[in-house]
Each structure stands twice: as C-alpha cells, then as structure tokens.
Amino acid sequence: MAKTRCSTPGISLISPPPHHDIYSIEDLAELIYDLQCANEDAKVTVKLVSSTGVGTIASGVAKAGAGGILISGGEGGTGAAPMSSVHHAGLPWEIGLAETHQVLCRNGLRQAVTLETDGKLMTGRDVAVALLLGAEEFGFATAPLITMGCRMMRVCHLGTCPFGVATQNPELRKRFIGKPEYVERFMRFIASQLREIMAKLGARTVNELVGRSDLLKMKDGSPMNLSALIGFARNIHFQPEARHDFALGERTDARLIQDHVHLTTTDRAFGTLLKGERHIQAQGCGGQSFGAFLPKGQSLTLYGVSNDYLGKGLSGGTLSICPPVDAVWNENDTLIGNVALYGATSGYAFIAGMAGERFAVRNSGAWAVVEGVGDHGCEYMTGGRVAVLGPVGDNFGAGMSGGIAWVLDAGETLGNRVNGGLVKVRPVTGIQGAELRQLLELHARHTHSRKAMDILADFDLWLPRFKAVISDEYLAYMKEAQQHG
C-alpha cells in the first residue's frame, strides 16, 4: 500500500490530507484540464459526497469539463474512517443521486457527463433503483469485500484484521479465505436479480431505465414524502459528442517543433503534452501548472516567472526556473507562485529564487532546491528532499511525516517557524551532508545560482548553518535502512 501511495513503508500518514489545489470550481477546472493534458483520451471523473445542494456543485463540475460525476453515499467508506465520519458524514446515495440528475437535466448538462453512484450497493434491486433515479454506472466495494471474508471489524488501519484482509501480519494473513470466484459469483447474482426486475418493467436494455423515476412508487403509509425524488422522469444519458472541448490541439506544446519557445500566462500546463525525450528552453511567464506530471526523460528550463502549481504531480522530469535574462533581479524576488510540486512523486526541481506558499505540499519523492518559501512549506510531505537556501514562512513542515528538508538557518530563527507536530529541527549529519552538497551542485549546474555557487565554494563553512527538518519515524527508518545495507 505504501508503494501504491508513493510513501515510505512503516511511516504514518495523515489520511486524507486536505486538497490544497482545490478551493473553487475554477481550481477544479484547472485540475481537470491538467489531467486531460496528461491523457487526452481519459475521462476525468469527479467524486462528490451525497449532501444537500450537491446538484448545484455537480453542475459546476460538469461546466468545469468533467466527463463523469460520482455521487457517493454516506453508508459506505473505509473501515479506517473516524466513527464521527461513519455516523455523521454524507446522506444516502438515493437523495444525492436524484438531486444531481434532476439539476443536470434542468440545466442542459446531463448529456455531457456519465452519472455514477456508490455507497453500500448490496443487491440488484439497489442497482435498479439507482438506474431509475438517473445513474448509468455503479460502484461496489463493501459487498464484494464481505464475499472475500471481511466481517467489518473496522480495524483496517491497525493491521490486526482477524480475517486476514487488511493486515501485513503473516499469521493473520493465513486466515484469509477469499477467492476471485466469490466476487464473480456475487456480481452474477446482482446481474441476475437486475435482469428479473428489468423484465417485470418491460425493459430490454439498461439505458431504457436511466432516469425513469416514474417507475418508482412510495410505500403506502410511508412516513416520508419522497415525491421530489420520484416525480421527475427523463430518460437522458451520456452522449460522447456533448463532452467539453478542451481544444488541446491548439496548445503551444502540442504544436511545438523547436526546442525554444516564448510563453505567456495563457500557456497552462505547458509541457504536459510533450512526447518522447525533450529538453525545452523557454522564456516569459509559465502559466498555471507549468510542467505538470512531467515524466522521466523530459526537462524544461524557464527564464522568467511561473504561476501556481508548478510541477504538479512531477513524475521523473526536471524543472529549472531561472530569473529573466532581460530584467533587474534581486535574490529575494519571487520566481514562482503557490503550491509548487503538489503531489510530486519523482524528479528534480531547481528554483533560483523565492517561491510562494505551500511549496512541495504532499511531495512524496521529488528532490528540489528553492531559495526561500512562504508559509506552510513542505506541508504533508511524505518523501523526497527539499533544500531551502533562504527564509521560510510560518508553519513549515506541518503534517510532514517523511522526507527531509534542509534549511539554511543563518538567522537561527527556524525553530520558531517549524510546526513541531511531527518533525523536529536537527543538525545535518552523516550521509545527509553529501546528499545536500550533491543537490546544490545540480542546482548550480541547472540554474547558475549565485547563492548556490557561493555556498559550494566553502561548503564546510556553510554546512553547520543548515538544519534538517525531519520526523522521528523517518529518521528511525533511515537508520534501519543503513544498518541493513
């Protein structure tokens, strides 16, 4: 699981950490656009929790360019969830699904998205009801898990599952009795029951029943008035030709022939559409998500400034941001915006200037150098290395459970800036000094940073001025790894 999540085995995680790249529908539209650039043929689906007003949010999601919307009910969920969330978060999927389908239909948006639902669907009858309320796709998790032997002890996060499902304990795993055939048989039962219901309703295909809420009826004597759920019947479903047009063929990187280019702020997610090994030099202003998801073998060097979300999801590539060549530049000037390297998994980033807030938030593997950061630097970081050659803002290292941040603490003020919830400030010792020097050498090579070259010219004198910000768990992990070679 740690490998899947690009985190370090044995290191605690804050789950889930906040999504600091989404504060509005506009932010969501940017993320959808970035993902679409990473895979032109993908259908981006957005998951929403069933709640009052979810239909209005779903309309914004559809306008933002999503290809699918998932309405998740409050009855399902992980066995590691807090009990307050288990009992008090989310409404039944039926309510959120009905509202979403109706609002999308009334706003002419229903044909542009597929509508999915989940949240403890257990029978073919549940699927039939979901169809009639407007869903086209259905998610199953709890029921198939039970067919594999789960008994919902809700200790998934403790590794003590007595049925051997969610545990790494070899003795407990011996108790696991599940087989793929059990899930296959269960899903065949679901399909069989759904076919029986469809036959009673006179429907030959599933699509005939999408949105046919007029086929639902309230039980006699029901204490609840459900007329709002079943009084709206429109058989409208997804039409591929109605999908949002992102005009990806008109992007600068889609038409790029030479390895030199001038950028403006409208060049969003530049580099994400590049194919094969490319080494691009650019000038100007990189737009939102410059170098997002850049893979190994590709590098971007920008002489200028860049907006928010630089290197989002960096996946092995190299980003270098240097001051503009035709401008007077001070070492304390800001080169890039907020939330750089959000969710980066590997690769390198070298910024020869200051960064905004939340630099390297949720970084799990990238190595980076920056010459100063705003508030909340290295927030929720789980891996990788970050060297800061200048001032840091408040709340540095909040929720940081893995990785190392080396900070040049010339004024001895770092202790007042660090969030000590998980990390501590320590001297740079042992192999860390060699790693830091190697990273600074790469920074100087890629950006010609005067600050990096000054430090490298007398590294032994500068090294004691650096401090390492690292968690106890990660420090223990590194010591154990060194002992075992």
Protein backbone atom coordinates (compact mmCIF):
# COMPACT_ATOMS: atom_id res chain seq x y z
CA MET A 1 0.00 0.00 0.00
CA ALA A 2 2.87 2.37 0.79
CA LYS A 3 4.34 1.70 -2.65
CA THR A 4 0.98 2.39 -4.32
CA ARG A 5 0.65 5.68 -2.47
CA CYS A 6 4.31 6.62 -3.17
CA SER A 7 5.02 6.84 0.55
CA THR A 8 7.55 5.17 2.83
CA PRO A 9 6.70 1.76 4.38
CA GLY A 10 6.24 1.95 8.12
CA ILE A 11 5.74 5.74 8.20
CA SER A 12 2.45 7.18 9.48
CA LEU A 13 0.32 9.24 7.11
CA ILE A 14 -2.32 11.89 7.64
CA SER A 15 -5.21 10.45 5.64
CA PRO A 16 -6.67 12.12 3.82
CA PRO A 17 -4.69 15.38 3.82
CA PRO A 18 -6.53 18.48 2.59
CA HIS A 19 -6.66 19.11 -1.16
CA HIS A 20 -4.84 22.42 -1.25
CA ASP A 21 -5.15 22.66 -5.03
CA ILE A 22 -8.95 22.94 -4.98
CA TYR A 23 -10.75 25.82 -3.30
CA SER A 24 -13.28 26.63 -6.03
CA ILE A 25 -14.86 25.35 -9.22
CA GLU A 26 -12.22 27.35 -11.12
CA ASP A 27 -9.47 25.41 -9.32
CA LEU A 28 -11.23 22.15 -10.14
CA ALA A 29 -11.48 23.18 -13.79
CA GLU A 30 -7.72 23.74 -13.80
CA LEU A 31 -7.08 20.27 -12.35
CA ILE A 32 -9.41 18.64 -14.89
CA TYR A 33 -7.62 20.50 -17.67
CA ASP A 34 -4.21 19.37 -16.37
CA LEU A 35 -5.34 15.75 -16.21
CA GLN A 36 -6.83 15.93 -19.68
CA CYS A 37 -3.50 17.22 -20.98
CA ALA A 38 -1.74 14.28 -19.31
CA ASN A 39 -4.07 11.82 -21.09
CA GLU A 40 -6.09 13.22 -23.95
CA ASP A 41 -8.31 10.14 -24.18
CA ALA A 42 -9.10 9.83 -20.47
CA LYS A 43 -12.49 10.53 -18.94
CA VAL A 44 -11.96 12.57 -15.78
CA THR A 45 -14.49 11.66 -13.10
CA VAL A 46 -15.11 13.81 -10.01
CA LYS A 47 -16.38 12.23 -6.81
CA LEU A 48 -18.94 14.17 -4.75
CA VAL A 49 -20.46 13.23 -1.41
CA SER A 50 -24.25 12.94 -1.33
CA SER A 51 -25.47 16.03 0.51
CA THR A 52 -27.99 18.82 0.31
CA GLY A 53 -27.13 21.06 -2.63
CA VAL A 54 -24.90 18.53 -4.35
CA GLY A 55 -26.79 19.08 -7.62
CA THR A 56 -25.58 22.69 -7.80
CA ILE A 57 -22.00 21.57 -7.20
CA ALA A 58 -22.41 18.86 -9.85
CA SER A 59 -23.48 21.50 -12.37
CA GLY A 60 -20.27 23.39 -11.72
CA VAL A 61 -18.29 20.17 -12.10
CA ALA A 62 -19.93 19.47 -15.47
CA LYS A 63 -19.20 23.02 -16.65
CA ALA A 64 -15.60 22.58 -15.50
CA GLY A 65 -15.17 19.84 -18.10
CA ALA A 66 -15.52 16.60 -16.14
CA GLY A 67 -16.54 13.55 -18.14
CA GLY A 68 -18.16 11.79 -15.21
CA ILE A 69 -19.62 12.53 -11.79
CA LEU A 70 -19.75 10.03 -8.92
CA ILE A 71 -22.30 10.59 -6.15
CA SER A 72 -21.07 8.69 -3.10
CA GLY A 73 -23.50 7.86 -0.30
CA GLY A 74 -22.76 8.10 3.39
CA GLU A 75 -23.28 4.39 4.16
CA GLY A 76 -20.07 3.02 2.65
CA GLY A 77 -16.47 4.02 3.27
CA THR A 78 -13.22 2.70 4.63
CA GLY A 79 -13.01 0.73 7.84
CA ALA A 80 -10.29 3.13 8.97
CA ALA A 81 -12.62 6.15 8.96
CA PRO A 82 -13.24 8.01 12.25
CA MET A 83 -16.53 7.00 13.89
CA SER A 84 -17.75 10.59 13.64
CA SER A 85 -17.46 10.29 9.86
CA VAL A 86 -19.01 6.82 9.80
CA HIS A 87 -22.15 8.01 11.59
CA HIS A 88 -22.47 11.67 10.65
CA ALA A 89 -20.97 12.33 7.20
CA GLY A 90 -22.99 12.21 4.00
CA LEU A 91 -26.59 11.41 3.07
CA PRO A 92 -27.96 8.25 1.42
CA TRP A 93 -26.93 7.98 -2.21
CA GLU A 94 -30.56 8.00 -3.35
CA ILE A 95 -31.06 11.62 -2.24
CA GLY A 96 -27.86 13.00 -3.78
CA LEU A 97 -28.27 11.00 -6.99
CA ALA A 98 -31.85 12.13 -7.60
CA GLU A 99 -30.96 15.78 -6.97
CA THR A 100 -27.91 15.65 -9.22
CA HIS A 101 -29.74 14.00 -12.12
CA GLN A 102 -32.60 16.49 -11.93
CA VAL A 103 -30.42 19.60 -11.67
CA LEU A 104 -28.19 18.49 -14.54
CA CYS A 105 -31.23 17.82 -16.72
CA ARG A 106 -32.78 21.19 -15.95
CA ASN A 107 -29.53 22.95 -16.86
CA GLY A 108 -28.94 21.05 -20.10
CA LEU A 109 -25.80 19.37 -18.78
CA ARG A 110 -26.90 15.77 -18.29
CA GLN A 111 -25.82 14.55 -21.72
CA ALA A 112 -22.24 15.79 -21.16
CA VAL A 113 -21.42 13.54 -18.20
CA THR A 114 -21.89 9.98 -17.05
CA LEU A 115 -23.51 9.67 -13.64
CA GLU A 116 -22.27 7.03 -11.21
CA THR A 117 -23.23 6.19 -7.65
CA ASP A 118 -21.90 4.07 -4.80
CA GLY A 119 -22.28 3.78 -1.04
CA LYS A 120 -23.09 0.22 0.01
CA LEU A 121 -24.99 -1.04 -3.01
CA MET A 122 -25.86 -4.61 -1.96
CA THR A 123 -28.44 -6.06 -4.35
CA GLY A 124 -29.73 -5.99 -7.90
CA ARG A 125 -32.70 -4.05 -6.56
CA ASP A 126 -30.31 -1.29 -5.39
CA VAL A 127 -28.91 -1.10 -8.91
CA ALA A 128 -32.42 -0.90 -10.38
CA VAL A 129 -33.36 1.98 -8.05
CA ALA A 130 -30.14 3.79 -8.92
CA LEU A 131 -30.93 3.39 -12.62
CA LEU A 132 -34.39 4.84 -12.21
CA LEU A 133 -33.02 7.79 -10.24
CA GLY A 134 -30.56 8.62 -13.02
CA ALA A 135 -27.34 6.62 -12.64
CA GLU A 136 -25.59 4.86 -15.51
CA GLU A 137 -22.66 3.36 -13.62
CA PHE A 138 -22.40 1.71 -10.20
CA GLY A 139 -19.61 1.13 -7.70
CA PHE A 140 -19.34 -1.86 -5.36
CA ALA A 141 -16.83 -2.13 -2.53
CA THR A 142 -18.29 -3.28 0.80
CA ALA A 143 -20.33 -6.19 -0.56
CA PRO A 144 -17.52 -7.76 -2.67
CA LEU A 145 -15.18 -7.32 0.29
CA ILE A 146 -17.57 -9.26 2.50
CA THR A 147 -17.76 -12.04 -0.07
CA MET A 148 -13.96 -12.27 0.27
CA GLY A 149 -14.18 -12.80 4.02
CA CYS A 150 -14.35 -9.31 5.57
CA ARG A 151 -16.56 -9.03 8.67
CA MET A 152 -16.29 -5.23 9.09
CA MET A 153 -14.27 -5.16 12.31
CA ARG A 154 -13.21 -1.59 11.34
CA VAL A 155 -9.57 -2.06 12.35
CA CYS A 156 -8.15 -1.79 8.81
CA HIS A 157 -5.65 0.88 9.89
CA LEU A 158 -4.31 -1.15 12.83
CA GLY A 159 -3.10 -4.21 10.91
CA THR A 160 -4.96 -6.53 13.30
CA CYS A 161 -7.73 -7.77 10.98
CA PRO A 162 -8.66 -11.21 12.40
CA PHE A 163 -9.82 -12.39 8.97
CA GLY A 164 -6.53 -11.61 7.21
CA VAL A 165 -7.90 -8.99 4.82
CA ALA A 166 -6.25 -5.70 5.87
CA THR A 167 -3.03 -6.76 7.57
CA GLN A 168 0.62 -7.47 6.84
CA ASN A 169 0.87 -9.94 9.74
CA PRO A 170 1.75 -13.29 8.13
CA GLU A 171 -0.07 -15.27 10.83
CA LEU A 172 -3.27 -13.30 10.37
CA ARG A 173 -2.98 -13.44 6.57
CA LYS A 174 -3.12 -17.23 6.77
CA ARG A 175 -6.77 -16.85 7.80
CA PHE A 176 -7.77 -15.17 4.54
CA ILE A 177 -10.20 -17.40 2.65
CA GLY A 178 -11.18 -15.17 -0.27
CA LYS A 179 -11.08 -16.18 -3.93
CA PRO A 180 -11.77 -14.13 -7.08
CA GLU A 181 -14.54 -16.58 -7.96
CA TYR A 182 -16.51 -15.46 -4.88
CA VAL A 183 -16.70 -11.88 -6.20
CA GLU A 184 -17.52 -13.09 -9.70
CA ARG A 185 -20.37 -15.23 -8.38
CA PHE A 186 -21.72 -12.34 -6.28
CA MET A 187 -21.75 -9.95 -9.26
CA ARG A 188 -23.57 -12.59 -11.35
CA PHE A 189 -26.26 -12.72 -8.64
CA ILE A 190 -26.53 -8.92 -8.83
CA ALA A 191 -26.92 -9.06 -12.61
CA SER A 192 -29.45 -11.89 -12.43
CA GLN A 193 -31.68 -10.03 -9.98
CA LEU A 194 -31.42 -6.85 -12.06
CA ARG A 195 -32.49 -8.76 -15.18
CA GLU A 196 -35.56 -10.08 -13.35
CA ILE A 197 -36.56 -6.55 -12.33
CA MET A 198 -35.96 -5.23 -15.85
CA ALA A 199 -38.17 -7.96 -17.26
CA LYS A 200 -41.00 -7.02 -14.89
CA LEU A 201 -40.67 -3.39 -16.01
CA GLY A 202 -40.64 -4.35 -19.70
CA ALA A 203 -37.14 -3.03 -20.37
CA ARG A 204 -34.73 -4.83 -22.70
CA THR A 205 -31.66 -2.63 -22.05
CA VAL A 206 -30.25 -0.84 -19.05
CA ASN A 207 -30.23 2.53 -20.83
CA GLU A 208 -34.02 2.41 -21.18
CA LEU A 209 -34.34 2.75 -17.41
CA VAL A 210 -31.91 5.62 -16.78
CA GLY A 211 -33.87 8.45 -15.18
CA ARG A 212 -37.27 6.71 -15.31
CA SER A 213 -38.23 7.68 -11.76
CA ASP A 214 -41.89 7.47 -12.73
CA LEU A 215 -41.49 3.68 -12.34
CA LEU A 216 -40.78 4.12 -8.63
CA LYS A 217 -43.61 4.17 -6.08
CA MET A 218 -43.74 5.15 -2.43
CA LYS A 219 -44.88 2.50 0.03
CA ASP A 220 -48.38 3.04 1.38
CA GLY A 221 -48.26 4.71 4.76
CA SER A 222 -44.67 5.92 4.31
CA PRO A 223 -43.74 8.49 6.99
CA MET A 224 -41.62 10.39 4.45
CA ASN A 225 -42.74 12.36 1.42
CA LEU A 226 -40.45 11.22 -1.40
CA SER A 227 -42.36 12.84 -4.24
CA ALA A 228 -39.41 15.14 -5.02
CA LEU A 229 -37.26 12.09 -5.73
CA ILE A 230 -39.70 10.21 -7.94
CA GLY A 231 -41.70 12.99 -9.56
CA PHE A 232 -39.12 13.75 -12.26
CA ALA A 233 -38.77 11.33 -15.18
CA ARG A 234 -36.36 11.97 -18.05
CA ASN A 235 -34.53 9.20 -19.87
CA ILE A 236 -31.40 11.20 -20.72
CA HIS A 237 -27.91 9.77 -20.58
CA PHE A 238 -24.34 10.43 -21.65
CA GLN A 239 -23.62 11.42 -25.25
CA PRO A 240 -19.90 11.47 -26.19
CA GLU A 241 -20.38 14.27 -28.70
CA ALA A 242 -21.65 16.53 -25.89
CA ARG A 243 -18.36 16.39 -23.96
CA HIS A 244 -16.39 19.52 -23.18
CA ASP A 245 -13.92 20.55 -25.90
CA PHE A 246 -10.54 21.38 -24.35
CA ALA A 247 -9.01 22.43 -27.71
CA LEU A 248 -5.81 20.58 -26.84
CA GLY A 249 -4.63 20.64 -30.44
CA GLU A 250 -4.22 24.41 -30.24
CA ARG A 251 -1.84 24.29 -27.26
CA THR A 252 1.72 25.59 -27.62
CA ASP A 253 3.34 22.31 -26.61
CA ALA A 254 1.09 20.34 -28.97
CA ARG A 255 2.40 22.41 -31.92
CA LEU A 256 5.98 22.76 -30.68
CA ILE A 257 8.66 21.93 -33.25
CA GLN A 258 11.75 23.76 -31.99
CA ASP A 259 13.26 23.41 -28.52
CA HIS A 260 12.99 27.13 -27.79
CA VAL A 261 9.71 28.87 -27.08
CA HIS A 262 8.26 32.07 -25.59
CA LEU A 263 5.46 31.57 -23.07
CA THR A 264 2.67 33.68 -21.62
CA THR A 265 0.32 33.12 -18.70
CA THR A 266 -2.26 31.56 -21.03
CA ASP A 267 0.09 28.62 -21.69
CA ARG A 268 -1.35 26.43 -18.94
CA ALA A 269 0.18 23.06 -18.06
CA PHE A 270 2.93 23.66 -20.61
CA GLY A 271 4.98 20.54 -21.27
CA THR A 272 2.34 18.04 -20.25
CA LEU A 273 1.55 17.12 -23.87
CA LEU A 274 5.20 16.65 -24.91
CA LYS A 275 6.05 13.24 -26.33
CA GLY A 276 9.35 11.35 -26.01
CA GLU A 277 12.58 12.75 -24.60
CA ARG A 278 12.60 16.54 -24.92
CA HIS A 279 14.75 19.30 -23.42
CA ILE A 280 12.95 22.60 -23.83
CA GLN A 281 14.19 26.11 -23.06
CA ALA A 282 11.53 28.75 -22.58
CA GLN A 283 11.32 32.45 -21.81
CA GLY A 284 8.49 34.55 -20.46
CA CYS A 285 5.80 33.56 -18.00
CA GLY A 286 4.78 29.98 -17.42
CA GLY A 287 1.05 29.68 -16.82
CA GLN A 288 -0.73 27.56 -14.21
CA SER A 289 0.68 24.03 -13.72
CA PHE A 290 3.89 24.58 -15.67
CA GLY A 291 5.49 21.15 -16.16
CA ALA A 292 2.63 19.22 -14.56
CA PHE A 293 3.15 15.42 -14.49
CA LEU A 294 6.43 15.79 -16.44
CA PRO A 295 7.90 12.28 -16.90
CA LYS A 296 11.47 11.00 -16.81
CA GLY A 297 13.50 11.95 -19.87
CA GLN A 298 11.94 15.40 -20.24
CA SER A 299 13.29 18.68 -18.89
CA LEU A 300 12.01 22.26 -19.01
CA THR A 301 14.14 25.32 -18.32
CA LEU A 302 12.27 28.62 -17.95
CA TYR A 303 13.97 32.01 -17.89
CA GLY A 304 11.19 34.03 -16.33
CA VAL A 305 8.46 33.52 -13.78
CA SER A 306 5.78 30.88 -13.30
CA ASN A 307 2.30 30.83 -11.79
CA ASP A 308 0.81 28.47 -9.19
CA TYR A 309 1.04 24.65 -9.24
CA LEU A 310 4.44 24.44 -10.93
CA GLY A 311 5.48 20.79 -11.24
CA LYS A 312 2.15 19.41 -10.02
CA GLY A 313 2.47 15.61 -9.94
CA LEU A 314 6.06 15.76 -11.23
CA SER A 315 6.86 12.21 -12.34
CA GLY A 316 10.56 11.98 -13.04
CA GLY A 317 11.24 15.04 -15.20
CA THR A 318 13.44 18.04 -14.40
CA LEU A 319 12.24 21.63 -13.98
CA SER A 320 14.61 24.61 -13.79
CA ILE A 321 13.35 28.15 -13.16
CA CYS A 322 15.88 30.95 -13.64
CA PRO A 323 15.48 34.75 -13.35
CA PRO A 324 14.54 36.59 -16.56
CA VAL A 325 17.62 37.41 -18.58
CA ASP A 326 16.42 40.91 -19.52
CA ALA A 327 15.35 42.16 -16.07
CA VAL A 328 16.98 43.53 -12.94
CA TRP A 329 16.66 40.76 -10.38
CA ASN A 330 17.10 40.69 -6.62
CA GLU A 331 17.75 37.46 -4.74
CA ASN A 332 14.63 37.97 -2.59
CA ASP A 333 12.28 38.37 -5.56
CA THR A 334 9.64 35.68 -6.07
CA LEU A 335 10.00 33.48 -9.14
CA ILE A 336 7.10 31.05 -8.79
CA GLY A 337 3.62 31.07 -7.25
CA ASN A 338 1.91 28.90 -4.65
CA VAL A 339 1.51 25.13 -4.27
CA ALA A 340 4.53 24.07 -6.33
CA LEU A 341 5.34 20.34 -6.61
CA TYR A 342 1.91 19.40 -5.29
CA GLY A 343 1.82 15.59 -5.17
CA ALA A 344 5.17 15.18 -6.96
CA THR A 345 6.40 11.58 -6.94
CA SER A 346 9.88 11.80 -8.50
CA GLY A 347 12.16 14.06 -10.50
CA TYR A 348 14.01 17.32 -9.81
CA ALA A 349 13.03 20.97 -9.48
CA PHE A 350 15.50 23.86 -9.23
CA ILE A 351 14.18 27.35 -8.49
CA ALA A 352 16.80 30.14 -8.42
CA GLY A 353 14.55 32.46 -6.44
CA MET A 354 11.73 32.61 -3.92
CA ALA A 355 8.55 30.52 -4.01
CA GLY A 356 5.08 31.29 -2.68
CA GLU A 357 3.14 29.35 -0.07
CA ARG A 358 2.81 25.58 0.33
CA PHE A 359 5.96 24.72 -1.59
CA ALA A 360 6.31 20.92 -2.04
CA VAL A 361 2.98 20.20 -0.37
CA ARG A 362 2.32 16.43 -0.43
CA ASN A 363 5.63 15.84 -2.18
CA SER A 364 6.40 12.14 -1.97
CA GLY A 365 9.60 11.71 -3.94
CA ALA A 366 10.90 14.75 -5.84
CA TRP A 367 14.21 16.44 -4.96
CA ALA A 368 14.10 20.22 -5.10
CA VAL A 369 16.08 23.38 -4.33
CA VAL A 370 14.47 26.76 -3.74
CA GLU A 371 15.92 29.99 -2.39
CA GLY A 372 13.11 30.86 0.03
CA VAL A 373 9.48 29.88 0.65
CA GLY A 374 6.32 31.39 2.09
CA ASP A 375 4.06 29.88 4.76
CA HIS A 376 3.27 26.15 5.05
CA GLY A 377 6.37 24.93 3.19
CA CYS A 378 6.77 21.13 2.86
CA GLU A 379 3.27 20.61 4.24
CA TYR A 380 2.13 16.94 4.34
CA MET A 381 5.38 15.86 2.68
CA THR A 382 5.95 12.10 2.77
CA GLY A 383 9.22 11.65 0.86
CA GLY A 384 11.89 13.26 -1.26
CA ARG A 385 14.38 16.01 -0.38
CA VAL A 386 13.99 19.80 -0.31
CA ALA A 387 16.79 22.32 0.21
CA VAL A 388 15.79 25.90 1.10
CA LEU A 389 18.60 28.45 0.67
CA GLY A 390 16.76 31.33 2.27
CA PRO A 391 13.93 32.37 4.60
CA VAL A 392 10.90 30.20 5.34
CA GLY A 393 7.43 31.30 6.40
CA ASP A 394 5.35 30.12 9.32
CA ASN A 395 4.01 26.58 9.83
CA PHE A 396 6.89 24.94 7.99
CA GLY A 397 6.70 21.13 7.92
CA ALA A 398 3.09 20.84 9.13
CA GLY A 399 1.95 17.22 8.79
CA MET A 400 5.32 16.29 7.27
CA SER A 401 5.78 12.59 8.04
CA GLY A 402 8.54 11.66 5.57
CA GLY A 403 11.39 13.06 3.52
CA ILE A 404 13.95 15.64 4.61
CA ALA A 405 14.01 19.43 4.32
CA TRP A 406 17.39 21.15 4.68
CA VAL A 407 17.00 24.83 5.54
CA LEU A 408 19.75 27.46 5.60
CA ASP A 409 19.09 28.89 9.07
CA ALA A 410 21.53 31.80 9.02
CA GLY A 411 19.48 33.84 11.48
CA GLU A 412 18.78 30.93 13.88
CA THR A 413 15.01 31.52 13.60
CA LEU A 414 13.91 28.23 12.04
CA GLY A 415 12.76 26.78 15.37
CA ASN A 416 10.08 29.48 15.59
CA ARG A 417 8.84 28.76 12.08
CA VAL A 418 8.54 24.98 12.17
CA ASN A 419 5.34 23.17 13.08
CA GLY A 420 6.60 20.63 15.59
CA GLY A 421 3.61 18.30 15.41
CA LEU A 422 5.54 15.57 13.55
CA VAL A 423 9.00 16.98 12.82
CA LYS A 424 11.98 18.29 14.74
CA VAL A 425 14.87 20.59 13.81
CA ARG A 426 18.19 18.73 13.87
CA PRO A 427 21.77 19.24 12.68
CA VAL A 428 22.75 17.94 9.25
CA THR A 429 24.90 14.87 9.85
CA GLY A 430 26.34 11.84 8.11
CA ILE A 431 25.21 10.99 4.61
CA GLN A 432 22.81 13.96 4.62
CA GLY A 433 25.71 16.36 4.12
CA ALA A 434 26.81 14.53 0.97
CA GLU A 435 23.24 14.45 -0.35
CA LEU A 436 22.82 18.18 0.29
CA ARG A 437 26.06 19.00 -1.49
CA GLN A 438 25.12 16.87 -4.48
CA LEU A 439 21.73 18.59 -4.70
CA LEU A 440 23.30 22.06 -4.55
CA GLU A 441 25.74 21.10 -7.31
CA LEU A 442 22.81 20.11 -9.52
CA HIS A 443 21.05 23.37 -8.65
CA ALA A 444 24.11 25.42 -9.62
CA ARG A 445 24.51 23.46 -12.87
CA HIS A 446 20.88 23.89 -13.94
CA THR A 447 20.26 27.50 -12.84
CA HIS A 448 23.74 29.09 -12.39
CA SER A 449 22.51 30.25 -9.00
CA ARG A 450 24.97 32.69 -7.43
CA LYS A 451 23.79 31.69 -3.96
CA ALA A 452 24.40 28.01 -4.59
CA MET A 453 27.85 28.66 -6.04
CA ASP A 454 28.83 30.81 -3.03
CA ILE A 455 27.82 28.01 -0.65
CA LEU A 456 29.63 25.33 -2.66
CA ALA A 457 32.80 27.45 -2.76
CA ASP A 458 33.16 27.00 1.02
CA PHE A 459 30.72 24.18 1.77
CA ASP A 460 32.32 23.03 5.04
CA LEU A 461 31.88 26.53 6.47
CA TRP A 462 28.22 26.75 5.37
CA LEU A 463 27.16 23.23 6.33
CA PRO A 464 26.70 23.93 10.10
CA ARG A 465 24.32 26.76 9.20
CA PHE A 466 21.92 24.27 7.59
CA LYS A 467 19.33 22.48 9.72
CA ALA A 468 17.45 19.29 8.87
CA VAL A 469 13.69 19.16 9.38
CA ILE A 470 12.72 15.51 9.73
CA SER A 471 10.25 13.33 11.64
CA ASP A 472 11.28 10.81 14.30
CA GLU A 473 9.72 7.95 12.33
CA TYR A 474 11.55 8.82 9.12
CA LEU A 475 14.85 9.24 10.95
CA ALA A 476 14.43 5.79 12.50
CA TYR A 477 13.54 4.36 9.08
CA MET A 478 16.74 5.77 7.53
CA LYS A 479 18.91 4.41 10.35
CA GLU A 480 17.38 0.95 9.96
CA ALA A 481 17.85 1.08 6.17
CA GLN A 482 21.53 1.98 6.60
CA GLN A 483 22.07 -0.88 9.05
CA HIS A 484 20.62 -3.36 6.57
CA GLY A 485 22.65 -2.00 3.71
